[in-house]
Amino acid sequence: MLKKIDRREFIKTSTLAGLGIIAGCSVKNRFDLIIKNGLVIDGSSPTIYPADLGVKKDKIIAVEDLAHAGADKIIDAKGLIVSPGFIDIHTHTDTELLANPKGESKIHQGVTTEVSGNCGSSPFPLNENDSQELYGSLKDRYGIDTRWQTTDEFLQAIEKAQPSLNYATFTGHGDLRAFVIGKIDIQPTPAQLDEMKMVLAKTMEAGSLGLSTGLEYAPGSYARTPELIELCNVVKDYNGVYATHMRNEDDTVEEAIEEALEICRQSGVSLQISHLKACNQSNWHKVDHMLEVIQNAHDQGLPVHADRYPYNAWSTGLSSFLPLWSRQGNTDDILERLRNKDDLKKIKTYTEGRGRRIGGWDRVLISNCRNTENEIYEGKSIRECTAMTGKEPFEFIRDLLINERNRVSVIGFAMDEDNLKKVLASPLVMIGSDGSAVAPYGKLGEGKPHPRFYGTFPRVLGKYAREEKIFDLVTAVRKMTGMAADKLQLKQRGYLKKGYFADVVIFNPETVIDNATFSDPHQYPTGIETVIVNGEITIDKGQHTGAGRGKVIRHQC
């Protein structure tokens, strides 16, 4: 049962406060900022307790009764929860912060730290061909002319943009593999594997948190287990984390979990299973066993955890409905196969099978297209699009991918609500949005992205903690803060403690809720009152102040 301590009891039992001393300083000392009268969830304590926070520069100096202390700025948090800033342990934010460093859709949720480079994809390392393609895309789409190739160069570009939230990243295995051996289905030679290990080590020395894989995507899917174990040996040597979008999340999801655990056993690496789920109704019954296997592995000493977003729909590229062999190479290679009659029959058979397994084309929505003439399809199911065009589903998919040069995002409704609650409630599961930092305006306001981009953290607090009561508020906050900081070894973050960075969220526990929907996703949540990043007020009464005090967090090897 949740235990609250009233202010009188807290002050009485606080030796420092009883002596009139605040965190080793006289109460006469002024702070830059005091948050007073709030109810604190500090990320570690099992209780909610009344306390004030004192901040100087970018650090928390006191978590005490500061009734007699002064400050340049005082926030009255009466009736509100004061918690550590939320850490989004699974995101895809990277170049979005170069386009709009405010990080709008995330900072409005209370996210103060983005953890990117997931699912095997990161904007480094880049070979010459891939870098030129990326630079051209960024210039065409956002007007950005920033260039980099290495991890350090990219992180410097993020720092120069002065983002409103903190940023950390994994190294994407797909990009690492492409850098060394290309985007084709071959196995690395011993020399190539050694080069991959060397490049991975360099990215970690530059600050990468570890390695992420996207084993359902090309080219990461072409890797076999021994390759991944070898790479994870490097990650283990650098005390990093292996985050995996597993090889399968539907028909062979249990086998995919076993592969992830085997990599963990063989290398000793800290394992994070990304967006844990069982897709398609025929696999929903597997979730109990999946959770049991992961818990048993953890109980036996394996450092395994997972993350999940609080929705029953996934989101990815429309090209995921093409067979893996057809996704080899660059964009032109893929599109050529979609034009080749000899390849087309095999591709169509696979695509139609995927449509049947998810339960029909009415369960797949087009969420984003780049070309103006295709915006009419956004927010509509493929079934609706075929009715509009008179085309069969595969013909529509093929034509759209060619027209958009493979730049189409989709949302698929494939999961079960009861299973979602079981996964979220697991003591080994943290909260991750699997989304990017976008905005309801400008280029980042285009399309109809998954509502998780805007609503993940308020939805967990409002729907699943307050309304569904699958866990209490303290547990919900811990899954978003201290638990993630511990897993990723983010120093002096994730908790409200003396000497820690002042990443703070103030929210209303009675009103906090997501507002983003699948049909109208570009909506900020309700109830996130104030967000502070490194001591700077960034969201004030729900409004962005324009502050850009986010830092790049580099892994300390």
Protein backbone atom coordinates (compact mmCIF):
# COMPACT_ATOMS: atom_id res chain seq x y z
CA MET A 1 0.00 0.00 0.00
CA LEU A 2 1.23 3.49 -0.87
CA LYS A 3 2.52 5.30 2.19
CA LYS A 4 2.45 9.09 2.46
CA ILE A 5 4.37 11.00 5.12
CA ASP A 6 3.00 14.36 6.20
CA ARG A 7 5.23 17.42 6.37
CA ARG A 8 5.34 17.56 10.19
CA GLU A 9 6.54 13.95 10.42
CA PHE A 10 9.08 14.49 7.66
CA ILE A 11 10.54 17.57 9.35
CA LYS A 12 10.58 15.89 12.76
CA THR A 13 12.47 12.89 11.47
CA SER A 14 14.93 14.92 9.41
CA THR A 15 18.06 15.48 11.47
CA LEU A 16 19.32 18.16 9.12
CA ALA A 17 16.09 20.11 9.18
CA GLY A 18 15.86 19.71 12.97
CA LEU A 19 19.22 21.42 13.27
CA GLY A 20 18.16 24.23 10.94
CA ILE A 21 20.66 23.09 8.32
CA ILE A 22 19.70 22.40 4.73
CA ALA A 23 21.89 19.86 2.93
CA GLY A 24 24.98 21.21 4.66
CA CYS A 25 24.14 24.89 3.97
CA SER A 26 22.62 27.59 6.15
CA VAL A 27 18.95 28.21 5.43
CA LYS A 28 19.92 31.84 4.77
CA ASN A 29 21.68 30.79 1.58
CA ARG A 30 19.74 31.64 -1.54
CA PHE A 31 18.91 29.19 -4.28
CA ASP A 32 18.42 29.89 -7.95
CA LEU A 33 15.14 27.99 -7.79
CA ILE A 34 12.95 26.52 -5.06
CA ILE A 35 10.04 24.17 -5.72
CA LYS A 36 7.92 24.35 -2.59
CA ASN A 37 4.88 22.57 -1.15
CA GLY A 38 5.07 19.66 -3.58
CA LEU A 39 4.57 15.95 -3.00
CA VAL A 40 7.83 14.28 -3.93
CA ILE A 41 8.31 10.98 -5.73
CA ASP A 42 12.10 10.82 -5.81
CA GLY A 43 12.62 7.72 -7.97
CA SER A 44 13.87 5.48 -5.17
CA SER A 45 11.66 5.88 -2.08
CA PRO A 46 8.50 3.71 -1.92
CA THR A 47 6.63 6.68 -0.46
CA ILE A 48 5.26 10.00 -1.61
CA TYR A 49 6.39 12.65 0.83
CA PRO A 50 6.16 16.44 1.18
CA ALA A 51 9.41 18.29 0.60
CA ASP A 52 10.87 21.31 -1.13
CA LEU A 53 13.60 21.18 -3.76
CA GLY A 54 16.41 23.70 -3.86
CA VAL A 55 18.32 24.15 -7.12
CA LYS A 56 21.55 26.01 -7.86
CA LYS A 57 22.78 26.20 -11.43
CA ASP A 58 22.11 22.74 -12.91
CA LYS A 59 22.08 20.68 -9.70
CA ILE A 60 19.68 19.78 -6.90
CA ILE A 61 21.20 21.12 -3.68
CA ALA A 62 18.45 20.26 -1.19
CA VAL A 63 15.42 18.01 -0.83
CA GLU A 64 14.18 19.35 2.52
CA ASP A 65 11.86 21.82 4.17
CA LEU A 66 12.97 25.16 2.69
CA ALA A 67 10.25 27.34 4.22
CA HIS A 68 12.82 29.88 5.44
CA ALA A 69 15.14 29.84 2.43
CA GLY A 70 15.12 32.32 -0.42
CA ALA A 71 15.46 31.93 -4.15
CA ASP A 72 15.50 33.96 -7.35
CA LYS A 73 12.53 31.93 -8.53
CA ILE A 74 9.96 30.02 -6.47
CA ILE A 75 7.45 27.53 -7.88
CA ASP A 76 4.49 26.65 -5.67
CA ALA A 77 3.72 22.98 -6.36
CA LYS A 78 0.90 22.63 -3.83
CA GLY A 79 -1.24 19.60 -4.66
CA LEU A 80 1.16 18.52 -7.41
CA ILE A 81 3.66 15.68 -7.77
CA VAL A 82 7.33 16.59 -8.09
CA SER A 83 9.29 13.80 -9.76
CA PRO A 84 12.53 13.25 -11.65
CA GLY A 85 12.41 14.11 -15.32
CA PHE A 86 11.23 11.18 -17.40
CA ILE A 87 13.81 9.15 -19.30
CA ASP A 88 12.49 7.79 -22.59
CA ILE A 89 14.57 4.64 -22.80
CA HIS A 90 13.52 3.78 -26.35
CA THR A 91 13.24 6.56 -28.94
CA HIS A 92 14.10 7.31 -32.54
CA THR A 93 14.91 10.98 -32.13
CA ASP A 94 18.10 12.12 -33.81
CA THR A 95 18.06 14.51 -36.78
CA GLU A 96 14.70 15.84 -35.55
CA LEU A 97 16.64 17.80 -32.92
CA LEU A 98 18.62 19.47 -35.68
CA ALA A 99 15.36 20.46 -37.39
CA ASN A 100 13.69 21.63 -34.17
CA PRO A 101 15.79 21.50 -30.99
CA LYS A 102 12.79 22.27 -28.76
CA GLY A 103 11.83 18.59 -28.71
CA GLU A 104 8.20 19.64 -28.41
CA SER A 105 6.27 16.36 -28.35
CA LYS A 106 8.62 14.90 -25.74
CA ILE A 107 9.35 17.82 -23.42
CA HIS A 108 5.60 18.50 -23.11
CA GLN A 109 5.24 14.94 -21.77
CA GLY A 110 7.85 15.54 -19.08
CA VAL A 111 10.63 13.74 -20.95
CA THR A 112 13.95 15.33 -20.07
CA THR A 113 16.23 12.65 -21.58
CA GLU A 114 15.88 10.99 -24.98
CA VAL A 115 17.65 7.66 -25.55
CA SER A 116 17.94 7.10 -29.28
CA GLY A 117 19.77 4.93 -31.79
CA ASN A 118 17.35 2.04 -31.26
CA CYS A 119 16.16 -0.81 -33.47
CA GLY A 120 19.54 -1.03 -35.20
CA SER A 121 19.36 2.49 -36.63
CA SER A 122 21.63 5.42 -35.78
CA PRO A 123 22.94 8.35 -37.85
CA PHE A 124 26.47 6.97 -37.55
CA PRO A 125 28.80 5.51 -38.58
CA LEU A 126 28.33 6.68 -42.16
CA ASN A 127 30.23 5.69 -45.27
CA GLU A 128 30.53 8.15 -48.14
CA ASN A 129 27.47 6.96 -50.09
CA ASP A 130 25.15 6.81 -47.08
CA SER A 131 26.33 10.16 -45.76
CA GLN A 132 25.66 11.90 -49.07
CA GLU A 133 22.17 10.36 -49.26
CA LEU A 134 21.40 11.47 -45.69
CA TYR A 135 22.73 15.00 -46.21
CA GLY A 136 20.62 15.37 -49.33
CA SER A 137 17.51 14.15 -47.55
CA LEU A 138 18.02 16.52 -44.61
CA LYS A 139 18.59 19.49 -46.89
CA ASP A 140 15.54 18.73 -49.02
CA ARG A 141 13.22 18.04 -46.10
CA TYR A 142 14.39 20.44 -43.38
CA GLY A 143 16.79 22.84 -45.05
CA ILE A 144 19.58 21.50 -42.82
CA ASP A 145 23.13 21.52 -44.18
CA THR A 146 24.88 19.94 -41.19
CA ARG A 147 27.43 17.23 -41.98
CA TRP A 148 29.09 14.49 -39.96
CA GLN A 149 30.29 10.92 -40.31
CA THR A 150 31.51 9.80 -36.89
CA THR A 151 29.71 9.42 -33.59
CA ASP A 152 31.55 12.32 -32.03
CA GLU A 153 30.81 14.62 -34.97
CA PHE A 154 27.10 13.83 -34.75
CA LEU A 155 26.97 14.37 -30.99
CA GLN A 156 28.76 17.68 -31.46
CA ALA A 157 26.08 18.67 -34.00
CA ILE A 158 23.38 17.91 -31.42
CA GLU A 159 25.23 19.96 -28.79
CA LYS A 160 25.57 22.88 -31.18
CA ALA A 161 21.78 22.81 -31.78
CA GLN A 162 21.22 23.47 -28.03
CA PRO A 163 18.32 21.04 -27.55
CA SER A 164 15.70 21.51 -24.87
CA LEU A 165 16.24 18.00 -23.50
CA ASN A 166 19.15 15.68 -22.85
CA TYR A 167 20.24 13.25 -25.53
CA ALA A 168 21.96 9.87 -25.44
CA THR A 169 22.24 7.24 -28.14
CA PHE A 170 23.09 3.66 -29.00
CA THR A 171 25.06 2.56 -32.05
CA GLY A 172 22.74 1.01 -34.61
CA HIS A 173 23.88 -2.43 -35.72
CA GLY A 174 22.25 -1.98 -39.13
CA ASP A 175 24.32 1.13 -39.81
CA LEU A 176 27.45 -0.48 -38.38
CA ARG A 177 26.99 -3.49 -40.66
CA ALA A 178 26.27 -1.27 -43.67
CA PHE A 179 29.39 0.78 -42.93
CA VAL A 180 31.64 -2.29 -43.04
CA ILE A 181 30.03 -4.80 -45.42
CA GLY A 182 27.12 -3.01 -47.08
CA LYS A 183 23.36 -3.58 -47.04
CA ILE A 184 23.43 -7.05 -48.52
CA ASP A 185 22.69 -10.53 -47.23
CA ILE A 186 26.17 -11.90 -46.68
CA GLN A 187 28.10 -12.99 -43.64
CA PRO A 188 31.17 -11.00 -42.58
CA THR A 189 34.62 -12.39 -43.15
CA PRO A 190 36.80 -12.64 -40.02
CA ALA A 191 38.49 -9.41 -41.09
CA GLN A 192 35.16 -7.64 -41.58
CA LEU A 193 33.89 -8.82 -38.20
CA ASP A 194 37.09 -7.51 -36.59
CA GLU A 195 36.51 -4.17 -38.32
CA MET A 196 32.91 -4.04 -37.08
CA LYS A 197 34.15 -4.68 -33.54
CA MET A 198 36.80 -1.97 -33.88
CA VAL A 199 34.30 0.60 -35.22
CA LEU A 200 31.78 -0.31 -32.49
CA ALA A 201 34.48 0.21 -29.86
CA LYS A 202 35.27 3.64 -31.30
CA THR A 203 31.60 4.65 -31.14
CA MET A 204 31.46 3.62 -27.49
CA GLU A 205 34.64 5.52 -26.72
CA ALA A 206 32.91 8.56 -28.26
CA GLY A 207 29.92 8.13 -25.95
CA SER A 208 27.53 5.53 -27.38
CA LEU A 209 25.57 3.60 -24.74
CA GLY A 210 26.08 0.30 -26.52
CA LEU A 211 24.64 -1.61 -29.45
CA SER A 212 21.07 -1.80 -30.72
CA THR A 213 19.76 -4.28 -33.26
CA GLY A 214 16.77 -4.29 -35.58
CA LEU A 215 16.68 -7.96 -36.46
CA GLU A 216 13.38 -7.65 -38.37
CA TYR A 217 14.90 -5.04 -40.66
CA ALA A 218 17.50 -5.12 -43.41
CA PRO A 219 20.46 -5.19 -43.18
CA GLY A 220 20.54 -6.12 -39.47
CA SER A 221 18.35 -9.16 -40.12
CA TYR A 222 21.12 -10.74 -42.17
CA ALA A 223 23.29 -11.15 -39.07
CA ARG A 224 23.46 -14.55 -37.41
CA THR A 225 23.68 -15.12 -33.68
CA PRO A 226 27.49 -15.67 -33.49
CA GLU A 227 28.06 -12.25 -35.09
CA LEU A 228 25.85 -10.62 -32.46
CA ILE A 229 27.61 -12.42 -29.62
CA GLU A 230 30.98 -11.21 -30.89
CA LEU A 231 29.76 -7.62 -31.07
CA CYS A 232 28.16 -7.86 -27.63
CA ASN A 233 31.49 -9.02 -26.22
CA VAL A 234 32.75 -5.55 -27.17
CA VAL A 235 29.73 -3.89 -25.56
CA LYS A 236 30.35 -5.90 -22.39
CA ASP A 237 34.02 -4.84 -22.36
CA TYR A 238 32.85 -1.21 -22.40
CA ASN A 239 30.17 -1.87 -19.75
CA GLY A 240 27.39 -0.94 -22.14
CA VAL A 241 23.91 -2.22 -22.98
CA TYR A 242 22.58 -4.38 -25.81
CA ALA A 243 19.10 -3.18 -26.85
CA THR A 244 17.36 -5.46 -29.30
CA HIS A 245 14.36 -5.22 -31.56
CA MET A 246 14.22 -8.99 -31.73
CA ARG A 247 14.23 -11.12 -34.86
CA ASN A 248 10.50 -11.70 -34.62
CA GLU A 249 7.57 -10.35 -32.60
CA ASP A 250 4.77 -12.61 -33.79
CA ASP A 251 4.87 -16.25 -34.92
CA THR A 252 8.37 -17.03 -33.58
CA VAL A 253 8.57 -14.44 -30.82
CA GLU A 254 9.44 -17.05 -28.17
CA GLU A 255 12.38 -18.28 -30.24
CA ALA A 256 13.48 -14.66 -30.68
CA ILE A 257 13.49 -14.18 -26.90
CA GLU A 258 15.64 -17.28 -26.51
CA GLU A 259 18.13 -15.89 -29.04
CA ALA A 260 18.33 -12.59 -27.15
CA LEU A 261 18.86 -14.40 -23.86
CA GLU A 262 21.52 -16.64 -25.39
CA ILE A 263 23.44 -13.59 -26.61
CA CYS A 264 23.19 -12.24 -23.07
CA ARG A 265 24.41 -15.54 -21.56
CA GLN A 266 27.33 -15.96 -23.94
CA SER A 267 28.60 -12.38 -23.75
CA GLY A 268 27.47 -11.33 -20.27
CA VAL A 269 26.10 -8.10 -21.76
CA SER A 270 23.29 -6.14 -20.11
CA LEU A 271 20.20 -6.87 -22.23
CA GLN A 272 17.25 -4.59 -23.00
CA ILE A 273 14.43 -6.18 -25.02
CA SER A 274 12.76 -3.44 -27.04
CA HIS A 275 8.98 -2.87 -27.07
CA LEU A 276 8.13 -6.33 -25.75
CA LYS A 277 4.97 -7.69 -27.38
CA ALA A 278 3.25 -10.56 -29.17
CA CYS A 279 1.68 -9.45 -32.44
CA ASN A 280 -1.34 -10.90 -34.22
CA GLN A 281 -4.18 -12.67 -32.45
CA SER A 282 -2.80 -16.15 -33.07
CA ASN A 283 0.15 -15.28 -30.80
CA TRP A 284 -1.57 -13.40 -27.98
CA HIS A 285 -1.62 -16.50 -25.78
CA LYS A 286 2.20 -16.52 -25.67
CA VAL A 287 2.64 -13.41 -23.51
CA ASP A 288 2.38 -15.15 -20.12
CA HIS A 289 5.10 -17.61 -21.09
CA MET A 290 7.26 -14.84 -22.56
CA LEU A 291 7.15 -12.88 -19.32
CA GLU A 292 7.85 -16.02 -17.31
CA VAL A 293 10.92 -16.88 -19.40
CA ILE A 294 12.34 -13.37 -19.04
CA GLN A 295 11.65 -13.25 -15.30
CA ASN A 296 13.25 -16.67 -14.79
CA ALA A 297 16.35 -15.56 -16.69
CA HIS A 298 16.57 -12.44 -14.54
CA ASP A 299 16.12 -14.49 -11.35
CA GLN A 300 18.97 -16.73 -12.49
CA GLY A 301 21.26 -13.70 -12.69
CA LEU A 302 21.01 -12.54 -16.29
CA PRO A 303 20.94 -8.71 -16.56
CA VAL A 304 17.77 -8.62 -18.68
CA HIS A 305 15.02 -5.99 -18.80
CA ALA A 306 12.53 -4.76 -21.39
CA ASP A 307 10.56 -1.68 -22.41
CA ARG A 308 7.09 -1.06 -23.81
CA TYR A 309 4.84 1.78 -24.99
CA PRO A 310 1.23 1.95 -23.67
CA TYR A 311 -0.60 1.32 -26.94
CA ASN A 312 -1.84 -1.72 -28.86
CA ALA A 313 -0.57 -0.61 -32.26
CA TRP A 314 2.95 -0.64 -33.64
CA SER A 315 4.43 1.77 -36.17
CA THR A 316 7.14 1.26 -38.76
CA GLY A 317 7.84 1.64 -42.47
CA LEU A 318 5.50 0.22 -45.10
CA SER A 319 8.51 -1.63 -46.55
CA SER A 320 8.29 -4.01 -43.57
CA PHE A 321 5.53 -5.70 -45.60
CA LEU A 322 8.16 -6.73 -48.17
CA PRO A 323 10.26 -9.90 -47.73
CA LEU A 324 13.72 -9.39 -46.27
CA TRP A 325 15.56 -10.53 -49.39
CA SER A 326 13.85 -7.78 -51.39
CA ARG A 327 15.05 -5.08 -48.98
CA GLN A 328 18.75 -5.51 -49.74
CA GLY A 329 20.82 -2.63 -51.00
CA ASN A 330 19.92 1.02 -51.43
CA THR A 331 16.56 2.59 -52.25
CA ASP A 332 16.99 2.20 -56.00
CA ASP A 333 17.78 -1.51 -55.58
CA ILE A 334 14.58 -2.05 -53.59
CA LEU A 335 12.41 -0.10 -56.02
CA GLU A 336 13.88 -1.97 -58.99
CA ARG A 337 12.67 -5.26 -57.47
CA LEU A 338 9.19 -3.75 -57.16
CA ARG A 339 9.30 -3.08 -60.91
CA ASN A 340 10.78 -6.45 -61.86
CA LYS A 341 8.08 -8.93 -62.95
CA ASP A 342 10.21 -11.91 -61.93
CA ASP A 343 10.50 -10.62 -58.36
CA LEU A 344 7.02 -9.19 -58.07
CA LYS A 345 5.10 -12.45 -57.77
CA LYS A 346 7.19 -13.63 -54.81
CA ILE A 347 6.97 -10.22 -53.13
CA LYS A 348 3.19 -10.13 -53.60
CA THR A 349 2.76 -13.57 -52.01
CA TYR A 350 4.71 -12.49 -48.94
CA THR A 351 2.93 -9.13 -48.62
CA GLU A 352 -0.53 -10.63 -48.89
CA GLY A 353 0.40 -13.18 -46.23
CA ARG A 354 1.46 -10.41 -43.86
CA GLY A 355 -1.88 -8.71 -44.43
CA ARG A 356 -3.77 -11.87 -43.55
CA ARG A 357 -1.71 -12.51 -40.41
CA ILE A 358 -2.41 -9.08 -38.94
CA GLY A 359 -6.12 -9.63 -39.51
CA GLY A 360 -6.77 -7.71 -42.72
CA TRP A 361 -5.80 -4.44 -44.40
CA ASP A 362 -8.30 -2.47 -42.33
CA ARG A 363 -5.84 -2.91 -39.42
CA VAL A 364 -2.98 -1.05 -41.17
CA LEU A 365 -3.06 2.78 -41.40
CA ILE A 366 -0.92 5.02 -43.58
CA SER A 367 0.56 7.54 -41.13
CA ASN A 368 3.04 9.57 -43.16
CA CYS A 369 3.92 10.24 -46.79
CA ARG A 370 6.41 12.79 -48.12
CA ASN A 371 4.73 13.77 -51.36
CA THR A 372 1.87 16.26 -51.19
CA GLU A 373 -0.36 14.31 -53.56
CA ASN A 374 -0.30 11.32 -51.20
CA GLU A 375 -1.35 13.19 -48.05
CA ILE A 376 -4.96 12.15 -48.78
CA TYR A 377 -4.03 8.64 -47.62
CA GLU A 378 -2.69 9.68 -44.21
CA GLY A 379 -4.86 8.48 -41.35
CA LYS A 380 -6.66 5.99 -43.59
CA SER A 381 -6.40 2.22 -43.62
CA ILE A 382 -4.99 0.42 -46.62
CA ARG A 383 -8.48 -1.01 -47.11
CA GLU A 384 -9.88 2.54 -47.30
CA CYS A 385 -7.10 3.57 -49.67
CA THR A 386 -7.90 0.72 -52.03
CA ALA A 387 -11.53 1.81 -52.07
CA MET A 388 -10.39 5.34 -52.97
CA THR A 389 -8.06 4.22 -55.75
CA GLY A 390 -9.79 1.10 -57.08
CA LYS A 391 -6.53 -0.80 -56.68
CA GLU A 392 -5.94 -4.15 -55.00
CA PRO A 393 -4.00 -3.89 -51.69
CA PHE A 394 -0.66 -5.10 -53.06
CA GLU A 395 -0.94 -2.90 -56.14
CA PHE A 396 -1.61 0.13 -53.93
CA ILE A 397 1.30 -0.70 -51.60
CA ARG A 398 3.70 -1.24 -54.51
CA ASP A 399 2.72 1.94 -56.31
CA LEU A 400 2.88 4.05 -53.15
CA LEU A 401 6.34 2.76 -52.20
CA ILE A 402 7.65 3.52 -55.68
CA ASN A 403 6.06 6.97 -55.78
CA GLU A 404 7.39 7.83 -52.31
CA ARG A 405 10.79 6.21 -52.84
CA ASN A 406 10.17 3.88 -49.90
CA ARG A 407 9.41 6.73 -47.47
CA VAL A 408 6.01 5.67 -46.12
CA SER A 409 5.19 5.12 -42.44
CA VAL A 410 2.35 2.90 -41.25
CA ILE A 411 0.58 1.93 -38.02
CA GLY A 412 -0.60 -1.62 -37.41
CA PHE A 413 -3.18 -2.71 -34.82
CA ALA A 414 -1.88 -6.11 -33.75
CA MET A 415 -1.77 -6.38 -29.93
CA ASP A 416 -4.14 -7.23 -27.09
CA GLU A 417 -5.09 -4.81 -24.26
CA ASP A 418 -4.91 -7.41 -21.47
CA ASN A 419 -1.45 -8.43 -22.66
CA LEU A 420 -0.39 -4.79 -22.74
CA LYS A 421 -1.33 -4.44 -19.06
CA LYS A 422 0.59 -7.59 -18.16
CA VAL A 423 3.72 -6.35 -19.93
CA LEU A 424 3.55 -2.85 -18.45
CA ALA A 425 3.04 -4.27 -14.95
CA SER A 426 6.08 -6.56 -15.12
CA PRO A 427 8.74 -5.44 -12.63
CA LEU A 428 11.34 -5.79 -15.39
CA VAL A 429 9.63 -3.49 -17.89
CA MET A 430 10.33 0.22 -18.29
CA ILE A 431 8.47 2.82 -20.34
CA GLY A 432 9.70 3.75 -23.79
CA SER A 433 7.77 5.63 -26.46
CA ASP A 434 9.39 4.12 -29.57
CA GLY A 435 8.69 7.56 -31.05
CA SER A 436 10.52 10.69 -32.10
CA ALA A 437 10.47 14.30 -30.91
CA VAL A 438 8.13 16.03 -33.35
CA ALA A 439 5.97 19.17 -33.15
CA PRO A 440 2.45 20.28 -34.12
CA TYR A 441 3.92 22.85 -36.52
CA GLY A 442 6.49 23.10 -39.27
CA LYS A 443 8.03 20.14 -41.05
CA LEU A 444 7.86 18.00 -37.92
CA GLY A 445 4.10 18.56 -37.85
CA GLU A 446 3.48 16.69 -41.09
CA GLY A 447 1.58 13.42 -41.28
CA LYS A 448 -0.29 11.54 -38.59
CA PRO A 449 2.37 9.87 -36.45
CA HIS A 450 1.59 7.28 -33.81
CA PRO A 451 0.09 9.06 -30.74
CA ARG A 452 2.91 7.60 -28.63
CA PHE A 453 5.05 10.46 -29.96
CA TYR A 454 2.96 12.85 -27.83
CA GLY A 455 1.22 10.76 -25.19
CA THR A 456 3.28 7.85 -23.84
CA PHE A 457 4.22 9.07 -20.38
CA PRO A 458 1.02 10.96 -19.44
CA ARG A 459 -0.95 7.92 -20.66
CA VAL A 460 0.92 5.62 -18.30
CA LEU A 461 0.36 8.02 -15.40
CA GLY A 462 -3.27 8.80 -16.16
CA LYS A 463 -4.79 5.74 -17.78
CA TYR A 464 -2.74 2.85 -16.41
CA ALA A 465 -1.75 4.10 -12.94
CA ARG A 466 -4.67 6.34 -11.93
CA GLU A 467 -7.57 4.76 -13.85
CA GLU A 468 -6.63 1.13 -14.52
CA LYS A 469 -4.53 0.82 -11.32
CA ILE A 470 -2.21 -1.80 -12.78
CA PHE A 471 0.47 -0.23 -10.56
CA ASP A 472 0.65 2.72 -8.18
CA LEU A 473 2.00 6.16 -9.04
CA VAL A 474 5.35 5.58 -7.35
CA THR A 475 5.91 2.45 -9.44
CA ALA A 476 4.89 4.23 -12.62
CA VAL A 477 7.36 7.05 -11.98
CA ARG A 478 10.17 4.63 -11.14
CA LYS A 479 9.64 2.83 -14.46
CA MET A 480 10.16 6.19 -16.18
CA THR A 481 13.09 7.50 -14.15
CA GLY A 482 15.41 5.72 -11.73
CA MET A 483 14.97 2.29 -13.29
CA ALA A 484 16.03 3.57 -16.71
CA ALA A 485 18.92 5.58 -15.26
CA ASP A 486 20.20 2.50 -13.45
CA LYS A 487 19.95 0.30 -16.53
CA LEU A 488 21.80 2.77 -18.73
CA GLN A 489 24.17 3.96 -15.99
CA LEU A 490 23.20 7.59 -16.48
CA LYS A 491 25.22 9.32 -13.81
CA GLN A 492 23.38 11.69 -11.44
CA ARG A 493 20.08 11.37 -13.29
CA GLY A 494 16.80 9.61 -12.72
CA TYR A 495 16.43 10.59 -9.05
CA LEU A 496 15.70 13.67 -6.95
CA LYS A 497 18.79 13.62 -4.77
CA LYS A 498 21.33 16.13 -3.54
CA GLY A 499 24.07 16.57 -6.14
CA TYR A 500 22.00 15.18 -9.00
CA PHE A 501 21.17 17.16 -12.12
CA ALA A 502 18.00 19.17 -11.75
CA ASP A 503 15.83 17.33 -14.30
CA VAL A 504 12.37 17.69 -12.76
CA VAL A 505 8.73 17.22 -13.76
CA ILE A 506 5.80 18.75 -11.86
CA PHE A 507 2.46 17.21 -12.77
CA ASN A 508 -1.10 17.02 -11.53
CA PRO A 509 -1.85 13.41 -10.55
CA GLU A 510 -5.61 13.99 -10.83
CA THR A 511 -5.63 15.39 -14.38
CA VAL A 512 -2.53 14.10 -16.16
CA ILE A 513 -3.56 12.29 -19.35
CA ASP A 514 -2.66 11.97 -23.02
CA ASN A 515 -4.75 13.75 -25.66
CA ALA A 516 -3.13 12.49 -28.85
CA THR A 517 -5.23 10.11 -30.94
CA PHE A 518 -4.59 8.07 -34.07
CA SER A 519 -6.76 10.43 -36.11
CA ASP A 520 -5.44 13.62 -34.46
CA PRO A 521 -2.03 12.87 -32.95
CA HIS A 522 -0.45 16.34 -32.82
CA GLN A 523 -1.85 17.21 -29.38
CA TYR A 524 0.04 17.90 -26.18
CA PRO A 525 -1.08 16.13 -23.00
CA THR A 526 -2.92 17.60 -20.03
CA GLY A 527 -1.52 17.88 -16.52
CA ILE A 528 2.23 18.34 -17.15
CA GLU A 529 2.61 21.72 -15.46
CA THR A 530 6.37 22.35 -15.30
CA VAL A 531 9.44 20.67 -16.77
CA ILE A 532 12.94 21.63 -15.68
CA VAL A 533 16.05 20.50 -17.57
CA ASN A 534 19.44 20.94 -15.94
CA GLY A 535 18.02 23.59 -13.64
CA GLU A 536 16.30 25.61 -16.39
CA ILE A 537 12.50 25.92 -16.53
CA THR A 538 11.64 24.64 -20.00
CA ILE A 539 7.88 24.05 -19.70
CA ASP A 540 6.14 26.66 -17.53
CA LYS A 541 2.41 26.21 -16.92
CA GLY A 542 2.28 23.99 -19.97
CA GLN A 543 4.09 26.46 -22.26
CA HIS A 544 7.56 26.06 -23.76
CA THR A 545 9.89 28.81 -22.57
CA GLY A 546 12.34 28.35 -25.42
CA ALA A 547 15.08 27.17 -23.07
CA GLY A 548 17.78 24.99 -24.61
CA ARG A 549 19.72 23.57 -21.67
CA GLY A 550 19.75 19.91 -22.71
CA LYS A 551 23.08 18.10 -22.69
CA VAL A 552 24.51 15.26 -24.70
CA ILE A 553 25.02 12.39 -22.28
CA ARG A 554 28.01 10.29 -23.28
CA HIS A 555 28.50 6.81 -21.87
CA GLN A 556 31.39 6.61 -19.45
CA CYS A 557 33.29 3.48 -20.45
